[in-house]
N, C-alpha and C. Protein backbone atom coordinates (compact mmCIF):
# COMPACT_ATOMS: atom_id res chain seq x y z
N UNK A 1 187.14 189.42 113.49
CA UNK A 1 186.63 189.27 114.63
C UNK A 1 187.90 189.27 115.60
N UNK A 2 187.62 190.33 116.70
CA UNK A 2 188.24 190.13 117.94
C UNK A 2 188.35 189.28 118.74
N UNK A 3 189.71 189.07 118.95
CA UNK A 3 190.15 187.84 119.88
C UNK A 3 189.37 187.63 121.12
N UNK A 4 189.42 188.46 121.99
CA UNK A 4 188.54 188.27 123.23
C UNK A 4 186.91 187.55 122.91
N UNK A 5 186.10 188.28 122.08
CA UNK A 5 185.12 187.78 121.45
C UNK A 5 185.30 186.21 120.90
N UNK A 6 186.32 185.62 120.34
CA UNK A 6 186.36 184.68 119.82
C UNK A 6 186.21 183.59 121.13
N UNK A 7 187.47 183.93 121.83
CA UNK A 7 187.57 183.33 123.05
C UNK A 7 186.19 183.17 124.25
N UNK A 8 185.34 184.19 124.23
CA UNK A 8 184.06 184.26 124.33
C UNK A 8 182.84 183.32 124.01
N UNK A 9 183.18 183.25 122.97
CA UNK A 9 182.52 182.39 121.83
C UNK A 9 182.49 181.01 122.00
N UNK A 10 184.07 180.64 122.18
CA UNK A 10 184.36 179.38 122.25
C UNK A 10 183.76 178.92 123.64
N UNK A 11 183.96 179.28 124.70
CA UNK A 11 183.91 179.04 126.02
C UNK A 11 182.00 178.83 125.91
N UNK A 12 181.29 179.87 125.34
CA UNK A 12 179.85 179.49 124.83
C UNK A 12 179.62 177.73 124.29
N UNK A 13 180.65 177.49 123.56
CA UNK A 13 180.40 176.53 122.87
C UNK A 13 180.50 175.36 123.35
N UNK A 14 181.85 175.48 123.94
CA UNK A 14 182.18 174.36 125.28
C UNK A 14 181.06 174.42 126.24
N UNK A 15 180.79 175.37 126.78
CA UNK A 15 179.33 175.22 128.03
C UNK A 15 177.99 174.43 126.92
N UNK A 16 177.68 174.43 126.04
CA UNK A 16 176.83 173.95 125.56
C UNK A 16 177.25 172.53 125.39
N UNK A 17 177.97 172.27 124.96
CA UNK A 17 178.71 170.94 124.61
C UNK A 17 178.95 170.18 126.15
N UNK A 18 179.48 170.68 127.04
CA UNK A 18 179.18 170.29 128.12
C UNK A 18 178.07 169.63 128.98
N UNK A 19 176.49 170.84 128.68
CA UNK A 19 175.73 170.74 129.27
C UNK A 19 175.20 169.32 128.48
N UNK A 20 175.33 169.31 127.34
CA UNK A 20 174.48 168.13 126.45
C UNK A 20 175.03 166.73 126.71
N UNK A 21 176.66 166.81 127.18
CA UNK A 21 177.01 165.55 127.23
C UNK A 21 176.53 165.24 128.48
N UNK A 22 176.56 165.94 129.62
CA UNK A 22 175.85 165.71 131.02
C UNK A 22 174.63 165.62 131.39
N UNK A 23 173.71 165.83 130.21
CA UNK A 23 172.40 165.71 130.44
C UNK A 23 171.66 164.16 130.50
N UNK A 24 171.67 163.34 131.43
CA UNK A 24 170.83 162.36 131.62
C UNK A 24 169.71 161.75 130.42
N UNK A 25 169.01 163.21 130.36
CA UNK A 25 167.89 162.41 129.27
C UNK A 25 168.38 162.06 128.36
N UNK A 26 169.24 162.91 127.87
CA UNK A 26 169.94 162.88 126.52
C UNK A 26 170.30 161.48 126.09
N UNK A 27 171.49 161.32 127.51
CA UNK A 27 172.21 159.83 127.68
C UNK A 27 171.01 158.82 127.72
N UNK A 28 170.03 158.62 128.50
CA UNK A 28 169.16 157.74 128.26
C UNK A 28 168.70 157.65 127.15
N UNK A 29 168.36 158.67 126.16
CA UNK A 29 167.11 158.73 125.00
C UNK A 29 168.06 157.75 123.74
N UNK A 30 169.69 158.48 123.83
CA UNK A 30 170.72 157.71 123.04
C UNK A 30 170.72 156.24 123.32
N UNK A 31 171.03 155.70 124.67
CA UNK A 31 171.20 154.64 125.40
C UNK A 31 170.12 153.97 124.43
N UNK A 32 168.79 153.97 124.61
CA UNK A 32 167.46 153.20 123.92
C UNK A 32 167.72 152.61 122.51
N UNK A 33 168.48 154.27 121.92
CA UNK A 33 168.67 153.85 120.50
C UNK A 33 169.28 152.33 120.15
N UNK A 34 170.63 152.85 121.06
CA UNK A 34 171.72 151.78 121.29
C UNK A 34 171.34 150.25 121.13
N UNK A 35 170.41 150.45 122.32
CA UNK A 35 169.64 149.25 122.73
C UNK A 35 168.90 148.34 121.74
N UNK A 36 168.41 149.00 121.00
CA UNK A 36 167.75 149.01 119.95
C UNK A 36 168.20 148.39 118.79
N UNK A 37 169.26 148.25 118.84
CA UNK A 37 170.46 148.27 117.53
C UNK A 37 171.01 149.26 116.94
N UNK A 38 170.57 150.46 116.85
CA UNK A 38 171.47 151.30 116.33
C UNK A 38 172.29 152.19 116.57
N UNK A 39 173.28 152.57 115.52
CA UNK A 39 174.58 153.70 115.62
C UNK A 39 173.70 154.74 116.30
N UNK A 40 174.15 155.70 116.73
CA UNK A 40 173.28 157.11 116.79
C UNK A 40 174.40 158.17 116.63
N UNK A 41 174.53 159.48 116.24
CA UNK A 41 174.95 160.56 115.83
C UNK A 41 174.31 161.47 116.26
N UNK A 42 174.46 162.82 116.45
CA UNK A 42 173.43 164.34 116.83
C UNK A 42 174.48 164.92 116.51
N UNK A 43 173.53 165.60 115.68
CA UNK A 43 174.10 166.61 115.64
C UNK A 43 173.35 168.36 115.56
N UNK A 44 173.56 169.07 116.32
CA UNK A 44 172.83 170.39 116.42
C UNK A 44 173.51 171.48 116.17
N UNK A 45 172.33 172.65 115.44
CA UNK A 45 173.03 173.65 115.05
C UNK A 45 172.88 174.97 115.88
N UNK A 46 173.23 175.60 116.34
CA UNK A 46 173.02 176.70 117.07
C UNK A 46 173.37 178.15 116.36
N UNK A 47 172.31 178.98 116.56
CA UNK A 47 172.85 180.46 115.63
C UNK A 47 172.88 181.53 116.89
N UNK A 48 173.84 182.11 116.74
CA UNK A 48 174.32 182.77 118.00
C UNK A 48 174.35 184.22 117.45
N UNK A 49 173.44 185.64 117.91
CA UNK A 49 173.91 186.56 117.27
C UNK A 49 174.09 187.49 118.29
N UNK A 50 174.65 188.49 118.11
CA UNK A 50 175.48 189.56 118.77
C UNK A 50 175.92 190.78 118.48
N UNK A 51 175.33 191.99 118.94
CA UNK A 51 175.71 193.18 118.68
C UNK A 51 176.45 194.35 119.84
N UNK A 52 177.52 195.13 119.37
CA UNK A 52 178.20 195.79 120.41
C UNK A 52 177.23 196.77 120.60
N UNK A 53 177.28 196.70 122.06
CA UNK A 53 176.37 197.64 122.63
C UNK A 53 176.89 199.09 122.95
N UNK A 54 176.00 200.04 122.60
CA UNK A 54 176.17 201.24 122.68
C UNK A 54 176.37 201.82 124.18
N UNK A 55 177.38 201.93 124.88
CA UNK A 55 177.36 202.44 126.33
C UNK A 55 177.12 203.92 126.72
N UNK A 56 176.98 204.55 125.45
CA UNK A 56 176.73 206.06 125.78
C UNK A 56 174.92 206.24 125.75
N UNK A 57 174.34 205.34 125.07
CA UNK A 57 173.09 205.47 125.57
C UNK A 57 172.35 204.61 126.70
N UNK A 58 173.27 203.73 127.38
CA UNK A 58 172.85 203.65 128.72
C UNK A 58 172.58 204.25 130.02
N UNK A 59 173.11 205.63 129.80
CA UNK A 59 173.02 206.74 130.77
C UNK A 59 172.09 207.59 130.47
N UNK A 60 171.18 207.35 129.62
CA UNK A 60 170.03 208.20 129.07
C UNK A 60 168.80 207.42 129.77
N UNK A 61 167.48 208.33 129.64
CA UNK A 61 166.47 207.77 130.27
C UNK A 61 166.01 206.77 128.96
N UNK A 62 165.40 205.69 129.16
CA UNK A 62 164.84 205.29 127.79
C UNK A 62 163.68 205.80 127.41
N UNK A 63 163.56 205.53 126.13
CA UNK A 63 162.62 206.09 125.38
C UNK A 63 161.21 205.34 125.54
N UNK A 64 160.47 206.23 125.87
CA UNK A 64 158.93 205.45 126.41
C UNK A 64 158.01 205.89 124.73
N UNK A 65 158.32 206.24 123.86
CA UNK A 65 157.85 205.72 122.88
C UNK A 65 157.20 204.39 122.58
N UNK A 66 155.96 204.05 122.14
CA UNK A 66 155.74 202.53 121.78
C UNK A 66 156.35 201.85 120.52
N UNK A 67 156.94 200.96 120.78
CA UNK A 67 157.74 200.11 120.04
C UNK A 67 157.38 198.91 119.63
N UNK A 68 157.58 198.61 118.11
CA UNK A 68 156.79 196.96 117.74
C UNK A 68 157.71 196.42 118.44
N UNK A 69 157.19 195.34 118.93
CA UNK A 69 157.66 194.03 119.54
C UNK A 69 158.18 193.47 118.30
N UNK A 70 159.75 192.75 118.53
CA UNK A 70 160.39 191.72 117.24
C UNK A 70 159.58 190.84 117.12
N UNK A 71 159.41 190.54 115.69
CA UNK A 71 159.22 189.31 115.70
C UNK A 71 159.61 187.81 115.90
N UNK A 72 158.98 187.08 116.72
CA UNK A 72 159.49 186.18 117.33
C UNK A 72 158.64 184.72 116.52
N UNK A 73 159.82 183.47 116.52
CA UNK A 73 159.28 182.47 115.97
C UNK A 73 159.68 182.47 114.41
N UNK A 74 158.84 181.68 113.66
CA UNK A 74 159.69 181.35 112.55
C UNK A 74 158.33 180.90 111.28
N UNK A 75 159.14 181.38 110.26
CA UNK A 75 157.93 181.10 108.77
C UNK A 75 158.21 179.45 108.42
N UNK A 76 157.80 178.80 107.93
CA UNK A 76 158.28 177.48 107.31
C UNK A 76 157.84 177.94 105.69
N UNK A 77 159.04 177.55 104.90
CA UNK A 77 159.13 178.17 103.91
C UNK A 77 159.03 176.76 102.68
N UNK A 78 158.69 175.84 103.35
CA UNK A 78 158.27 174.28 102.49
C UNK A 78 157.54 173.38 103.50
N UNK A 79 157.57 172.52 102.68
CA UNK A 79 157.37 171.22 103.07
C UNK A 79 158.15 170.04 103.36
N UNK A 80 157.99 169.59 104.54
CA UNK A 80 159.15 168.39 105.10
C UNK A 80 158.30 166.77 105.16
N UNK A 81 159.01 166.32 103.79
CA UNK A 81 158.26 164.61 104.11
C UNK A 81 159.39 163.77 105.20
N UNK A 82 158.83 163.26 105.92
CA UNK A 82 159.36 162.30 106.75
C UNK A 82 159.17 160.82 106.33
N UNK A 83 160.23 160.02 106.18
CA UNK A 83 160.14 158.41 106.32
C UNK A 83 159.42 157.67 107.41
N UNK A 84 159.13 156.78 107.67
CA UNK A 84 158.73 155.92 108.59
C UNK A 84 159.93 156.00 109.83
N UNK A 85 160.95 155.87 109.19
CA UNK A 85 162.35 155.75 109.93
C UNK A 85 162.47 156.79 110.36
N UNK A 86 162.62 158.11 109.89
CA UNK A 86 162.38 159.43 110.51
C UNK A 86 161.39 159.38 111.84
N UNK A 87 160.23 158.96 111.55
CA UNK A 87 159.13 158.92 112.61
C UNK A 87 159.48 158.23 113.44
N UNK A 88 160.19 156.77 113.61
CA UNK A 88 160.80 156.16 114.37
C UNK A 88 161.65 156.97 115.35
N UNK A 89 162.59 157.61 114.46
CA UNK A 89 163.74 158.17 115.51
C UNK A 89 163.25 159.27 116.44
N UNK A 90 162.52 160.27 115.97
CA UNK A 90 161.85 161.37 116.10
C UNK A 90 161.23 160.92 117.98
N UNK A 91 160.18 159.87 117.57
CA UNK A 91 159.73 159.16 118.67
C UNK A 91 160.45 158.76 119.53
N UNK A 92 161.40 158.20 119.43
CA UNK A 92 162.60 157.55 120.25
C UNK A 92 163.08 158.83 121.05
N UNK A 93 163.54 159.90 120.15
CA UNK A 93 163.65 161.15 121.04
C UNK A 93 162.74 161.73 121.54
N UNK A 94 161.27 160.93 121.86
CA UNK A 94 160.30 162.01 122.32
C UNK A 94 160.16 163.11 122.15
N UNK A 95 160.02 163.27 120.29
CA UNK A 95 159.60 164.69 119.78
C UNK A 95 158.53 163.89 118.85
N UNK A 96 157.52 165.11 119.04
CA UNK A 96 156.12 164.39 118.73
C UNK A 96 155.86 165.22 117.08
N UNK A 97 155.82 164.69 116.15
CA UNK A 97 155.71 164.96 114.95
C UNK A 97 154.00 164.56 114.47
N UNK A 98 153.43 165.70 113.92
CA UNK A 98 152.10 165.46 113.31
C UNK A 98 152.07 164.58 112.24
N UNK A 99 150.63 163.68 111.94
CA UNK A 99 150.51 162.84 111.33
C UNK A 99 150.66 163.52 109.90
N UNK A 100 150.28 164.61 109.80
CA UNK A 100 150.09 165.22 108.27
C UNK A 100 151.38 165.66 107.40
N UNK A 101 152.57 165.34 107.91
CA UNK A 101 153.74 165.29 107.40
C UNK A 101 153.97 163.93 107.05
N UNK A 102 153.29 162.87 107.18
CA UNK A 102 153.69 161.26 106.75
C UNK A 102 153.46 161.56 105.34
């Protein structure tokens, strides 16, 4: 990977980390969990994709042919079983989970 791109990706990671660290809502939710007597750790995963743009195509007129919209969202490949502790934790973070997964 090119060094300038590595640097830009590191800057993006730092910006995401800073925004999470400075979030009052996240700090409040973590504080509530700590006050309830629990230790907290937070792990987030981000998938970032990128492609180099072909600068020569930007000068051309856009193709007016109808194109299929890219598929957005995700499809579940299995079921997740949540424990009572999982539900409590998610509720503390104000994340709603349907009762079907209990």
